Amino acid sequence: MAGTTADYQIIADRINHVIDEIETVIIGKREVITLAMAAIMSNGHILIEDAPGLGKTTLAKSIAKVLGCTFKRIQFTPDLLPADITGTSIFNQKTGEFQFREGPIFAQVILADEINRATPKTQSSLLECMEEYQATIDGTTYPMQRPFYVIATDNTLGYSGTYPLPEGQLDRFMMRLDIGYPQKSQEAQILDSQTSEHPVNLLRPLLNPAEVLSLQGAMQSIHLETSLRDYIVDITTATRSHPAVALGASPRGSIALSHASRALAGISGRDFVIPDDIKTLAVPVLAHRLVLKPDARIKHNSSTNVIKEILAKVAVPC
């Protein structure tokens, strides 16, 4: 789709138009929306962790609607079963055969709401779908619709009755984002915007699935200098030797950071990655992949702080 600098400026204009539209609903959170779009444009899944009521579900619905993708919401609860997500085969007495009935996972944008409320067995039913873009049910493999994104929400309050996501599943999410509280003036705008009708209902589809896939393909052609490739590897490698870290980021983290950096460059209208792209994405892409040592957690250290320390120490390519 793209090849010249002018082509990438056209791409940036289209994606920023999408961001503008979503920002009419998620007011004052352009940086978060931009990061989410960088994940979408690099074919990645998103985990949104924050307190209740800050717009996590609304952001997921807005992304699906503006991209023109099919959307389904799965409310995760302790009694949810894997078959409730992927679907099951039901015996048809008329034909004498089993027929597969699709579960809600067969859509292009999946909202996995409060994913930490379900048991690990149910959470793991998403792994094959997220990684392989397919689901195997009763020995038969069914492809997912493309594009395919899981946008999961995880409330950080009320841990009673929750099941923390295992490291293997966390690693499947390209980014972990938090929305945060709005400023006073922004909250006033939110109240005004919802006087008569929820603003999500007013959103317009600005793209379609084929266009989303085309934009994703264009992002893969964005240039990443060898020195910046090595910079990404240096950052990821440093997570494995940090004294506060028990388990550092895997090569999947390096791959995610390189892909997301290309997408962020494209959203900025560039056909090349710069160090600031990598720095901006390091925390949302890598922090959730780290497992801290128990004594580090006791000292109120956090994986976000670890990534920031590493960014301050690792030399930036000239």
C-alpha atoms as a PDB file:
ATOM      1  CA  MET A   1       0.000   0.000   0.000  1.00  0.00           C
ATOM      2  CA  ALA A   2       2.839   2.355   0.795  1.00  0.00           C
ATOM      3  CA  GLY A   3       6.348   3.069  -0.387  1.00  0.00           C
ATOM      4  CA  THR A   4       7.128   6.779  -0.314  1.00  0.00           C
ATOM      5  CA  THR A   5       7.141   9.331   2.476  1.00  0.00           C
ATOM      6  CA  ALA A   6       3.980  10.845   0.998  1.00  0.00           C
ATOM      7  CA  ASP A   7       2.292   7.443   1.186  1.00  0.00           C
ATOM      8  CA  TYR A   8       3.052   7.174   4.882  1.00  0.00           C
ATOM      9  CA  GLN A   9       1.703  10.660   5.508  1.00  0.00           C
ATOM     10  CA  ILE A  10      -1.577   9.570   3.924  1.00  0.00           C
ATOM     11  CA  ILE A  11      -1.581   6.500   6.176  1.00  0.00           C
ATOM     12  CA  ALA A  12      -0.884   8.681   9.219  1.00  0.00           C
ATOM     13  CA  ASP A  13      -3.738  11.020   8.286  1.00  0.00           C
ATOM     14  CA  ARG A  14      -6.177   8.113   8.030  1.00  0.00           C
ATOM     15  CA  ILE A  15      -5.168   6.590  11.355  1.00  0.00           C
ATOM     16  CA  ASN A  16      -5.163   9.939  13.129  1.00  0.00           C
ATOM     17  CA  HIS A  17      -8.662  10.523  11.773  1.00  0.00           C
ATOM     18  CA  VAL A  18      -9.631   7.281  13.526  1.00  0.00           C
ATOM     19  CA  ILE A  19      -7.946   8.485  16.729  1.00  0.00           C
ATOM     20  CA  ASP A  20      -9.805  11.817  16.492  1.00  0.00           C
ATOM     21  CA  GLU A  21     -13.118   9.970  16.210  1.00  0.00           C
ATOM     22  CA  ILE A  22     -12.412   7.737  19.218  1.00  0.00           C
ATOM     23  CA  GLU A  23     -11.313  10.763  21.247  1.00  0.00           C
ATOM     24  CA  THR A  24     -14.827  12.195  20.942  1.00  0.00           C
ATOM     25  CA  VAL A  25     -15.795   9.348  23.303  1.00  0.00           C
ATOM     26  CA  ILE A  26     -12.608   8.762  25.342  1.00  0.00           C
ATOM     27  CA  ILE A  27     -12.051  12.445  26.026  1.00  0.00           C
ATOM     28  CA  GLY A  28      -8.575  13.711  26.861  1.00  0.00           C
ATOM     29  CA  LYS A  29      -6.845  10.348  26.464  1.00  0.00           C
ATOM     30  CA  ARG A  30      -5.246  10.715  23.039  1.00  0.00           C
ATOM     31  CA  GLU A  31      -1.943   9.178  24.149  1.00  0.00           C
ATOM     32  CA  VAL A  32      -3.700   5.997  25.329  1.00  0.00           C
ATOM     33  CA  ILE A  33      -5.775   5.803  22.133  1.00  0.00           C
ATOM     34  CA  THR A  34      -2.633   6.273  20.016  1.00  0.00           C
ATOM     35  CA  LEU A  35      -0.871   3.441  21.853  1.00  0.00           C
ATOM     36  CA  ALA A  36      -3.926   1.227  21.363  1.00  0.00           C
ATOM     37  CA  MET A  37      -3.915   1.994  17.646  1.00  0.00           C
ATOM     38  CA  ALA A  38      -0.191   1.200  17.474  1.00  0.00           C
ATOM     39  CA  ALA A  39      -1.029  -2.235  18.916  1.00  0.00           C
ATOM     40  CA  ILE A  40      -3.909  -2.692  16.460  1.00  0.00           C
ATOM     41  CA  MET A  41      -1.774  -1.649  13.487  1.00  0.00           C
ATOM     42  CA  SER A  42       0.939  -4.120  14.524  1.00  0.00           C
ATOM     43  CA  ASN A  43      -1.637  -6.921  14.895  1.00  0.00           C
ATOM     44  CA  GLY A  44      -1.367  -7.097  18.672  1.00  0.00           C
ATOM     45  CA  HIS A  45      -3.753  -7.785  21.539  1.00  0.00           C
ATOM     46  CA  ILE A  46      -4.322  -5.288  24.356  1.00  0.00           C
ATOM     47  CA  LEU A  47      -4.746  -5.643  28.113  1.00  0.00           C
ATOM     48  CA  ILE A  48      -6.293  -2.614  29.834  1.00  0.00           C
ATOM     49  CA  GLU A  49      -5.744  -2.532  33.592  1.00  0.00           C
ATOM     50  CA  ASP A  50      -7.389   0.161  35.664  1.00  0.00           C
ATOM     51  CA  ALA A  51     -10.026   0.941  38.252  1.00  0.00           C
ATOM     52  CA  PRO A  52     -13.728   0.504  37.356  1.00  0.00           C
ATOM     53  CA  GLY A  53     -15.550   3.252  35.505  1.00  0.00           C
ATOM     54  CA  LEU A  54     -12.627   4.808  33.631  1.00  0.00           C
ATOM     55  CA  GLY A  55     -13.698   3.795  30.125  1.00  0.00           C
ATOM     56  CA  LYS A  56     -11.992   0.453  29.499  1.00  0.00           C
ATOM     57  CA  THR A  57     -15.076  -1.173  27.988  1.00  0.00           C
ATOM     58  CA  THR A  58     -15.991   1.998  26.118  1.00  0.00           C
ATOM     59  CA  LEU A  59     -12.544   2.153  24.525  1.00  0.00           C
ATOM     60  CA  ALA A  60     -12.859  -1.424  23.253  1.00  0.00           C
ATOM     61  CA  LYS A  61     -16.340  -0.779  21.820  1.00  0.00           C
ATOM     62  CA  SER A  62     -15.154   2.444  20.187  1.00  0.00           C
ATOM     63  CA  ILE A  63     -12.193   0.758  18.495  1.00  0.00           C
ATOM     64  CA  ALA A  64     -14.394  -1.984  17.057  1.00  0.00           C
ATOM     65  CA  LYS A  65     -17.003   0.450  15.747  1.00  0.00           C
ATOM     66  CA  VAL A  66     -14.601   2.910  14.125  1.00  0.00           C
ATOM     67  CA  LEU A  67     -12.626   0.096  12.468  1.00  0.00           C
ATOM     68  CA  GLY A  68     -15.849  -1.365  11.056  1.00  0.00           C
ATOM     69  CA  CYS A  69     -15.133  -4.756  12.643  1.00  0.00           C
ATOM     70  CA  THR A  70     -17.543  -7.286  14.123  1.00  0.00           C
ATOM     71  CA  PHE A  71     -17.608  -7.087  17.912  1.00  0.00           C
ATOM     72  CA  LYS A  72     -18.538  -9.422  20.738  1.00  0.00           C
ATOM     73  CA  ARG A  73     -18.262  -9.001  24.480  1.00  0.00           C
ATOM     74  CA  ILE A  74     -17.489 -11.872  26.834  1.00  0.00           C
ATOM     75  CA  GLN A  75     -18.186 -11.168  30.502  1.00  0.00           C
ATOM     76  CA  PHE A  76     -15.731 -13.307  32.443  1.00  0.00           C
ATOM     77  CA  THR A  77     -17.121 -14.819  35.634  1.00  0.00           C
ATOM     78  CA  PRO A  78     -15.946 -17.660  37.914  1.00  0.00           C
ATOM     79  CA  ASP A  79     -18.497 -20.085  36.433  1.00  0.00           C
ATOM     80  CA  LEU A  80     -17.606 -19.347  32.791  1.00  0.00           C
ATOM     81  CA  LEU A  81     -16.435 -22.473  30.944  1.00  0.00           C
ATOM     82  CA  PRO A  82     -14.035 -22.725  27.967  1.00  0.00           C
ATOM     83  CA  ALA A  83     -16.895 -23.953  25.762  1.00  0.00           C
ATOM     84  CA  ASP A  84     -18.831 -20.777  26.619  1.00  0.00           C
ATOM     85  CA  ILE A  85     -16.059 -18.872  24.802  1.00  0.00           C
ATOM     86  CA  THR A  86     -15.018 -21.098  21.926  1.00  0.00           C
ATOM     87  CA  GLY A  87     -18.299 -22.901  21.230  1.00  0.00           C
ATOM     88  CA  THR A  88     -19.285 -26.558  21.253  1.00  0.00           C
ATOM     89  CA  SER A  89     -20.614 -29.353  19.055  1.00  0.00           C
ATOM     90  CA  ILE A  90     -24.304 -30.146  19.483  1.00  0.00           C
ATOM     91  CA  PHE A  91     -25.993 -33.320  18.285  1.00  0.00           C
ATOM     92  CA  ASN A  92     -28.653 -32.692  15.638  1.00  0.00           C
ATOM     93  CA  GLN A  93     -31.326 -35.378  15.991  1.00  0.00           C
ATOM     94  CA  LYS A  94     -32.725 -34.693  12.519  1.00  0.00           C
ATOM     95  CA  THR A  95     -29.458 -35.255  10.685  1.00  0.00           C
ATOM     96  CA  GLY A  96     -27.912 -37.651  13.195  1.00  0.00           C
ATOM     97  CA  GLU A  97     -24.703 -35.596  13.152  1.00  0.00           C
ATOM     98  CA  PHE A  98     -22.913 -33.205  15.449  1.00  0.00           C
ATOM     99  CA  GLN A  99     -23.019 -29.541  14.394  1.00  0.00           C
ATOM    100  CA  PHE A 100     -20.606 -26.933  15.645  1.00  0.00           C
ATOM    101  CA  ARG A 101     -22.149 -23.889  17.302  1.00  0.00           C
ATOM    102  CA  GLU A 102     -19.719 -20.972  17.363  1.00  0.00           C
ATOM    103  CA  GLY A 103     -18.924 -19.228  20.610  1.00  0.00           C
ATOM    104  CA  PRO A 104     -18.467 -15.473  20.967  1.00  0.00           C
ATOM    105  CA  ILE A 105     -14.733 -15.759  20.206  1.00  0.00           C
ATOM    106  CA  PHE A 106     -15.612 -15.846  16.505  1.00  0.00           C
ATOM    107  CA  ALA A 107     -15.635 -12.103  15.899  1.00  0.00           C
ATOM    108  CA  GLN A 108     -12.970  -9.613  14.828  1.00  0.00           C
ATOM    109  CA  VAL A 109     -12.778  -7.599  18.057  1.00  0.00           C
ATOM    110  CA  ILE A 110     -13.346  -9.479  21.300  1.00  0.00           C
ATOM    111  CA  LEU A 111     -13.853  -7.654  24.571  1.00  0.00           C
ATOM    112  CA  ALA A 112     -12.752 -10.032  27.335  1.00  0.00           C
ATOM    113  CA  ASP A 113     -14.290  -8.066  30.179  1.00  0.00           C
ATOM    114  CA  GLU A 114     -12.784  -8.585  33.650  1.00  0.00           C
ATOM    115  CA  ILE A 115     -10.681 -11.460  32.374  1.00  0.00           C
ATOM    116  CA  ASN A 116      -9.204 -12.065  35.828  1.00  0.00           C
ATOM    117  CA  ARG A 117     -12.644 -13.108  37.162  1.00  0.00           C
ATOM    118  CA  ALA A 118     -12.509 -16.446  35.314  1.00  0.00           C
ATOM    119  CA  THR A 119     -10.556 -19.544  36.287  1.00  0.00           C
ATOM    120  CA  PRO A 120      -7.130 -20.222  34.733  1.00  0.00           C
ATOM    121  CA  LYS A 121      -8.625 -23.056  32.653  1.00  0.00           C
ATOM    122  CA  THR A 122     -11.125 -20.678  31.068  1.00  0.00           C
ATOM    123  CA  GLN A 123      -8.510 -17.954  30.613  1.00  0.00           C
ATOM    124  CA  SER A 124      -6.267 -20.437  28.801  1.00  0.00           C
ATOM    125  CA  SER A 125      -8.990 -21.133  26.221  1.00  0.00           C
ATOM    126  CA  LEU A 126      -7.984 -17.824  24.637  1.00  0.00           C
ATOM    127  CA  LEU A 127      -4.305 -18.748  24.173  1.00  0.00           C
ATOM    128  CA  GLU A 128      -4.609 -20.651  20.897  1.00  0.00           C
ATOM    129  CA  CYS A 129      -6.964 -18.025  19.484  1.00  0.00           C
ATOM    130  CA  MET A 130      -4.615 -15.163  20.380  1.00  0.00           C
ATOM    131  CA  GLU A 131      -1.414 -16.815  19.195  1.00  0.00           C
ATOM    132  CA  GLU A 132      -2.455 -19.034  16.279  1.00  0.00           C
ATOM    133  CA  TYR A 133      -5.641 -17.236  15.141  1.00  0.00           C
ATOM    134  CA  GLN A 134      -7.549 -20.477  15.322  1.00  0.00           C
ATOM    135  CA  ALA A 135      -9.563 -22.518  17.791  1.00  0.00           C
ATOM    136  CA  THR A 136      -9.501 -26.302  18.092  1.00  0.00           C
ATOM    137  CA  ILE A 137     -12.788 -27.720  19.362  1.00  0.00           C
ATOM    138  CA  ASP A 138     -13.468 -31.463  19.564  1.00  0.00           C
ATOM    139  CA  GLY A 139     -10.448 -32.163  17.374  1.00  0.00           C
ATOM    140  CA  THR A 140     -11.484 -29.783  14.578  1.00  0.00           C
ATOM    141  CA  THR A 141      -9.617 -26.530  13.924  1.00  0.00           C
ATOM    142  CA  TYR A 142     -11.610 -23.416  13.019  1.00  0.00           C
ATOM    143  CA  PRO A 143      -9.894 -20.236  11.747  1.00  0.00           C
ATOM    144  CA  MET A 144     -10.649 -16.891  13.355  1.00  0.00           C
ATOM    145  CA  GLN A 145     -11.947 -13.943  11.390  1.00  0.00           C
ATOM    146  CA  ARG A 146      -9.244 -11.502  10.325  1.00  0.00           C
ATOM    147  CA  PRO A 147      -8.301  -9.033  11.581  1.00  0.00           C
ATOM    148  CA  PHE A 148      -8.638 -10.517  15.060  1.00  0.00           C
ATOM    149  CA  TYR A 149      -7.980  -8.681  18.320  1.00  0.00           C
ATOM    150  CA  VAL A 150      -8.571  -9.501  21.955  1.00  0.00           C
ATOM    151  CA  ILE A 151      -8.993  -6.425  24.128  1.00  0.00           C
ATOM    152  CA  ALA A 152      -9.085  -7.626  27.721  1.00  0.00           C
ATOM    153  CA  THR A 153      -9.926  -5.568  30.796  1.00  0.00           C
ATOM    154  CA  ASP A 154      -8.598  -6.288  34.261  1.00  0.00           C
ATOM    155  CA  ASN A 155      -9.864  -4.346  37.271  1.00  0.00           C
ATOM    156  CA  THR A 156      -7.065  -3.518  39.684  1.00  0.00           C
ATOM    157  CA  LEU A 157      -9.466  -3.240  42.631  1.00  0.00           C
ATOM    158  CA  GLY A 158     -11.415  -5.980  44.393  1.00  0.00           C
ATOM    159  CA  TYR A 159      -9.031  -8.918  44.139  1.00  0.00           C
ATOM    160  CA  SER A 160     -11.419 -11.191  46.077  1.00  0.00           C
ATOM    161  CA  GLY A 161     -12.610 -13.952  43.760  1.00  0.00           C
ATOM    162  CA  THR A 162     -10.094 -13.158  41.013  1.00  0.00           C
ATOM    163  CA  TYR A 163      -7.427 -15.283  39.340  1.00  0.00           C
ATOM    164  CA  PRO A 164      -4.247 -13.464  38.275  1.00  0.00           C
ATOM    165  CA  LEU A 165      -3.324 -14.001  34.637  1.00  0.00           C
ATOM    166  CA  PRO A 166      -0.429 -16.478  34.280  1.00  0.00           C
ATOM    167  CA  GLU A 167       2.819 -15.233  32.769  1.00  0.00           C
ATOM    168  CA  GLY A 168       2.236 -17.234  29.583  1.00  0.00           C
ATOM    169  CA  GLN A 169      -1.031 -15.447  28.893  1.00  0.00           C
ATOM    170  CA  LEU A 170       0.266 -12.004  29.843  1.00  0.00           C
ATOM    171  CA  ASP A 171       3.036 -12.526  27.299  1.00  0.00           C
ATOM    172  CA  ARG A 172       0.419 -12.905  24.537  1.00  0.00           C
ATOM    173  CA  PHE A 173      -0.745  -9.313  25.016  1.00  0.00           C
ATOM    174  CA  MET A 174       1.313  -6.881  22.989  1.00  0.00           C
ATOM    175  CA  MET A 175       0.572  -3.986  25.353  1.00  0.00           C
ATOM    176  CA  ARG A 176      -0.768  -3.338  28.803  1.00  0.00           C
ATOM    177  CA  LEU A 177      -2.399   0.080  29.072  1.00  0.00           C
ATOM    178  CA  ASP A 178      -4.092   2.096  31.773  1.00  0.00           C
ATOM    179  CA  ILE A 179      -6.479   4.948  31.084  1.00  0.00           C
ATOM    180  CA  GLY A 180      -6.323   6.933  34.336  1.00  0.00           C
ATOM    181  CA  TYR A 181      -8.654   9.555  35.736  1.00  0.00           C
ATOM    182  CA  PRO A 182      -9.613  12.532  33.550  1.00  0.00           C
ATOM    183  CA  GLN A 183      -8.765  16.085  34.436  1.00  0.00           C
ATOM    184  CA  LYS A 184     -11.516  18.244  35.909  1.00  0.00           C
ATOM    185  CA  SER A 185     -12.292  20.048  32.644  1.00  0.00           C
ATOM    186  CA  GLN A 186     -12.280  16.755  30.734  1.00  0.00           C
ATOM    187  CA  GLU A 187     -14.683  15.151  33.191  1.00  0.00           C
ATOM    188  CA  ALA A 188     -17.036  18.085  32.690  1.00  0.00           C
ATOM    189  CA  GLN A 189     -16.905  17.421  28.932  1.00  0.00           C
ATOM    190  CA  ILE A 190     -17.699  13.759  29.568  1.00  0.00           C
ATOM    191  CA  LEU A 191     -20.819  14.739  31.515  1.00  0.00           C
ATOM    192  CA  ASP A 192     -21.954  17.049  28.715  1.00  0.00           C
ATOM    193  CA  SER A 193     -21.330  14.392  26.044  1.00  0.00           C
ATOM    194  CA  GLN A 194     -23.626  11.893  27.748  1.00  0.00           C
ATOM    195  CA  THR A 195     -26.605  14.151  28.448  1.00  0.00           C
ATOM    196  CA  SER A 196     -28.958  12.505  25.934  1.00  0.00           C
ATOM    197  CA  GLU A 197     -27.224   9.560  24.233  1.00  0.00           C
ATOM    198  CA  HIS A 198     -24.029   7.610  24.804  1.00  0.00           C
ATOM    199  CA  PRO A 199     -21.400   8.961  22.382  1.00  0.00           C
ATOM    200  CA  VAL A 200     -20.362   5.430  21.313  1.00  0.00           C
ATOM    201  CA  ASN A 201     -23.697   5.209  19.476  1.00  0.00           C
ATOM    202  CA  LEU A 202     -22.717   8.243  17.403  1.00  0.00           C
ATOM    203  CA  LEU A 203     -19.376   6.862  16.195  1.00  0.00           C
ATOM    204  CA  ARG A 204     -18.948   6.234  12.474  1.00  0.00           C
ATOM    205  CA  PRO A 205     -17.039   3.354  10.861  1.00  0.00           C
ATOM    206  CA  LEU A 206     -14.063   5.036   9.202  1.00  0.00           C
ATOM    207  CA  LEU A 207     -12.333   1.859   7.997  1.00  0.00           C
ATOM    208  CA  ASN A 208     -13.324  -1.683   7.111  1.00  0.00           C
ATOM    209  CA  PRO A 209     -11.548  -4.970   7.882  1.00  0.00           C
ATOM    210  CA  ALA A 210      -9.812  -5.113   4.486  1.00  0.00           C
ATOM    211  CA  GLU A 211      -8.440  -1.594   4.971  1.00  0.00           C
ATOM    212  CA  VAL A 212      -7.225  -2.458   8.467  1.00  0.00           C
ATOM    213  CA  LEU A 213      -5.305  -5.431   7.085  1.00  0.00           C
ATOM    214  CA  SER A 214      -3.858  -3.249   4.325  1.00  0.00           C
ATOM    215  CA  LEU A 215      -2.663  -0.666   6.846  1.00  0.00           C
ATOM    216  CA  GLN A 216      -1.088  -3.422   8.932  1.00  0.00           C
ATOM    217  CA  GLY A 217       0.813  -4.604   5.876  1.00  0.00           C
ATOM    218  CA  ALA A 218       2.104  -1.107   5.221  1.00  0.00           C
ATOM    219  CA  MET A 219       3.501  -0.880   8.755  1.00  0.00           C
ATOM    220  CA  GLN A 220       5.698  -3.913   8.153  1.00  0.00           C
ATOM    221  CA  SER A 221       7.622  -1.988   5.500  1.00  0.00           C
ATOM    222  CA  ILE A 222       8.693   0.797   7.856  1.00  0.00           C
ATOM    223  CA  HIS A 223      12.468   0.872   8.228  1.00  0.00           C
ATOM    224  CA  LEU A 224      14.145  -0.127  11.486  1.00  0.00           C
ATOM    225  CA  GLU A 225      17.861   0.713  11.547  1.00  0.00           C
ATOM    226  CA  THR A 226      20.237  -2.023  12.673  1.00  0.00           C
ATOM    227  CA  SER A 227      21.373   0.188  15.554  1.00  0.00           C
ATOM    228  CA  LEU A 228      17.773   0.561  16.736  1.00  0.00           C
ATOM    229  CA  ARG A 229      17.187  -3.157  16.388  1.00  0.00           C
ATOM    230  CA  ASP A 230      20.191  -3.676  18.673  1.00  0.00           C
ATOM    231  CA  TYR A 231      18.826  -1.003  21.031  1.00  0.00           C
ATOM    232  CA  ILE A 232      15.604  -2.998  21.403  1.00  0.00           C
ATOM    233  CA  VAL A 233      17.598  -6.167  22.109  1.00  0.00           C
ATOM    234  CA  ASP A 234      19.758  -4.323  24.669  1.00  0.00           C
ATOM    235  CA  ILE A 235      16.660  -3.106  26.528  1.00  0.00           C
ATOM    236  CA  THR A 236      15.035  -6.535  26.554  1.00  0.00           C
ATOM    237  CA  THR A 237      18.260  -8.263  27.556  1.00  0.00           C
ATOM    238  CA  ALA A 238      18.723  -5.802  30.426  1.00  0.00           C
ATOM    239  CA  THR A 239      15.391  -6.908  31.920  1.00  0.00           C
ATOM    240  CA  ARG A 240      16.844 -10.401  32.399  1.00  0.00           C
ATOM    241  CA  SER A 241      19.804  -9.242  34.498  1.00  0.00           C
ATOM    242  CA  HIS A 242      18.134  -6.512  36.559  1.00  0.00           C
ATOM    243  CA  PRO A 243      18.527  -7.270  40.300  1.00  0.00           C
ATOM    244  CA  ALA A 244      14.802  -6.794  40.996  1.00  0.00           C
ATOM    245  CA  VAL A 245      13.645  -9.155  38.234  1.00  0.00           C
ATOM    246  CA  ALA A 246      13.127 -12.901  38.631  1.00  0.00           C
ATOM    247  CA  LEU A 247      11.961 -13.431  35.027  1.00  0.00           C
ATOM    248  CA  GLY A 248      12.772 -10.977  32.270  1.00  0.00           C
ATOM    249  CA  ALA A 249      11.098 -10.286  28.943  1.00  0.00           C
ATOM    250  CA  SER A 250      11.234 -13.054  26.331  1.00  0.00           C
ATOM    251  CA  PRO A 251      12.179 -12.682  22.646  1.00  0.00           C
ATOM    252  CA  ARG A 252       8.437 -12.284  22.050  1.00  0.00           C
ATOM    253  CA  GLY A 253       8.788  -8.987  23.914  1.00  0.00           C
ATOM    254  CA  SER A 254      11.578  -7.862  21.571  1.00  0.00           C
ATOM    255  CA  ILE A 255       9.470  -8.764  18.545  1.00  0.00           C
ATOM    256  CA  ALA A 256       6.451  -6.917  19.945  1.00  0.00           C
ATOM    257  CA  LEU A 257       8.532  -3.811  20.658  1.00  0.00           C
ATOM    258  CA  SER A 258       9.970  -3.760  17.136  1.00  0.00           C
ATOM    259  CA  HIS A 259       6.550  -4.220  15.495  1.00  0.00           C
ATOM    260  CA  ALA A 260       4.858  -1.629  17.696  1.00  0.00           C
ATOM    261  CA  SER A 261       7.684   0.861  17.074  1.00  0.00           C
ATOM    262  CA  ARG A 262       7.141   0.560  13.339  1.00  0.00           C
ATOM    263  CA  ALA A 263       3.417   1.159  13.808  1.00  0.00           C
ATOM    264  CA  LEU A 264       3.976   4.220  16.002  1.00  0.00           C
ATOM    265  CA  ALA A 265       6.359   5.614  13.402  1.00  0.00           C
ATOM    266  CA  GLY A 266       3.700   5.108  10.724  1.00  0.00           C
ATOM    267  CA  ILE A 267       1.058   6.835  12.846  1.00  0.00           C
ATOM    268  CA  SER A 268       3.509   9.739  13.114  1.00  0.00           C
ATOM    269  CA  GLY A 269       3.806   9.902   9.316  1.00  0.00           C
ATOM    270  CA  ARG A 270       7.344   8.518   9.132  1.00  0.00           C
ATOM    271  CA  ASP A 271       8.690   5.580   7.137  1.00  0.00           C
ATOM    272  CA  PHE A 272      11.444   4.979   9.692  1.00  0.00           C
ATOM    273  CA  VAL A 273      11.673   4.332  13.434  1.00  0.00           C
ATOM    274  CA  ILE A 274      13.391   6.757  15.813  1.00  0.00           C
ATOM    275  CA  PRO A 275      14.611   6.092  19.386  1.00  0.00           C
ATOM    276  CA  ASP A 276      11.682   8.016  20.881  1.00  0.00           C
ATOM    277  CA  ASP A 277       9.261   5.492  19.351  1.00  0.00           C
ATOM    278  CA  ILE A 278      11.005   2.706  21.255  1.00  0.00           C
ATOM    279  CA  LYS A 279      11.202   4.712  24.490  1.00  0.00           C
ATOM    280  CA  THR A 280       7.493   5.581  24.337  1.00  0.00           C
ATOM    281  CA  LEU A 281       6.520   1.935  23.885  1.00  0.00           C
ATOM    282  CA  ALA A 282       8.994   0.221  26.229  1.00  0.00           C
ATOM    283  CA  VAL A 283       6.772   0.396  29.330  1.00  0.00           C
ATOM    284  CA  PRO A 284       3.424  -0.632  27.751  1.00  0.00           C
ATOM    285  CA  VAL A 285       5.078  -3.406  25.717  1.00  0.00           C
ATOM    286  CA  LEU A 286       7.567  -4.837  28.231  1.00  0.00           C
ATOM    287  CA  ALA A 287       6.518  -4.034  31.818  1.00  0.00           C
ATOM    288  CA  HIS A 288       3.748  -6.656  32.064  1.00  0.00           C
ATOM    289  CA  ARG A 289       6.142  -9.365  30.878  1.00  0.00           C
ATOM    290  CA  LEU A 290       8.429  -9.053  33.913  1.00  0.00           C
ATOM    291  CA  VAL A 291       8.153 -11.097  37.090  1.00  0.00           C
ATOM    292  CA  LEU A 292       9.698  -9.288  40.038  1.00  0.00           C
ATOM    293  CA  LYS A 293      11.468 -10.974  42.926  1.00  0.00           C
ATOM    294  CA  PRO A 294       9.430 -11.120  46.155  1.00  0.00           C
ATOM    295  CA  ASP A 295      11.723  -8.702  48.002  1.00  0.00           C
ATOM    296  CA  ALA A 296      11.398  -6.186  45.142  1.00  0.00           C
ATOM    297  CA  ARG A 297       7.603  -6.294  45.418  1.00  0.00           C
ATOM    298  CA  ILE A 298       7.813  -5.823  49.184  1.00  0.00           C
ATOM    299  CA  LYS A 299       9.899  -2.692  48.645  1.00  0.00           C
ATOM    300  CA  HIS A 300       7.093  -1.292  46.447  1.00  0.00           C
ATOM    301  CA  ASN A 301       9.178  -1.617  43.331  1.00  0.00           C
ATOM    302  CA  SER A 302       7.235  -2.069  40.112  1.00  0.00           C
ATOM    303  CA  SER A 303       7.962  -3.423  36.658  1.00  0.00           C
ATOM    304  CA  THR A 304       7.239   0.042  35.266  1.00  0.00           C
ATOM    305  CA  ASN A 305      10.000   1.518  37.418  1.00  0.00           C
ATOM    306  CA  VAL A 306      12.361  -1.260  36.322  1.00  0.00           C
ATOM    307  CA  ILE A 307      11.806  -0.453  32.636  1.00  0.00           C
ATOM    308  CA  LYS A 308      12.322   3.260  33.300  1.00  0.00           C
ATOM    309  CA  GLU A 309      15.612   2.504  35.097  1.00  0.00           C
ATOM    310  CA  ILE A 310      16.766   0.411  32.155  1.00  0.00           C
ATOM    311  CA  LEU A 311      15.869   3.130  29.660  1.00  0.00           C
ATOM    312  CA  ALA A 312      17.934   5.582  31.691  1.00  0.00           C
ATOM    313  CA  LYS A 313      20.985   3.286  31.625  1.00  0.00           C
ATOM    314  CA  VAL A 314      20.970   1.713  28.159  1.00  0.00           C
ATOM    315  CA  ALA A 315      22.846   3.861  25.637  1.00  0.00           C
ATOM    316  CA  VAL A 316      20.673   5.390  22.922  1.00  0.00           C
ATOM    317  CA  PRO A 317      22.058   5.012  19.363  1.00  0.00           C
ATOM    318  CA  CYS A 318      23.332   8.237  17.852  1.00  0.00           C
END
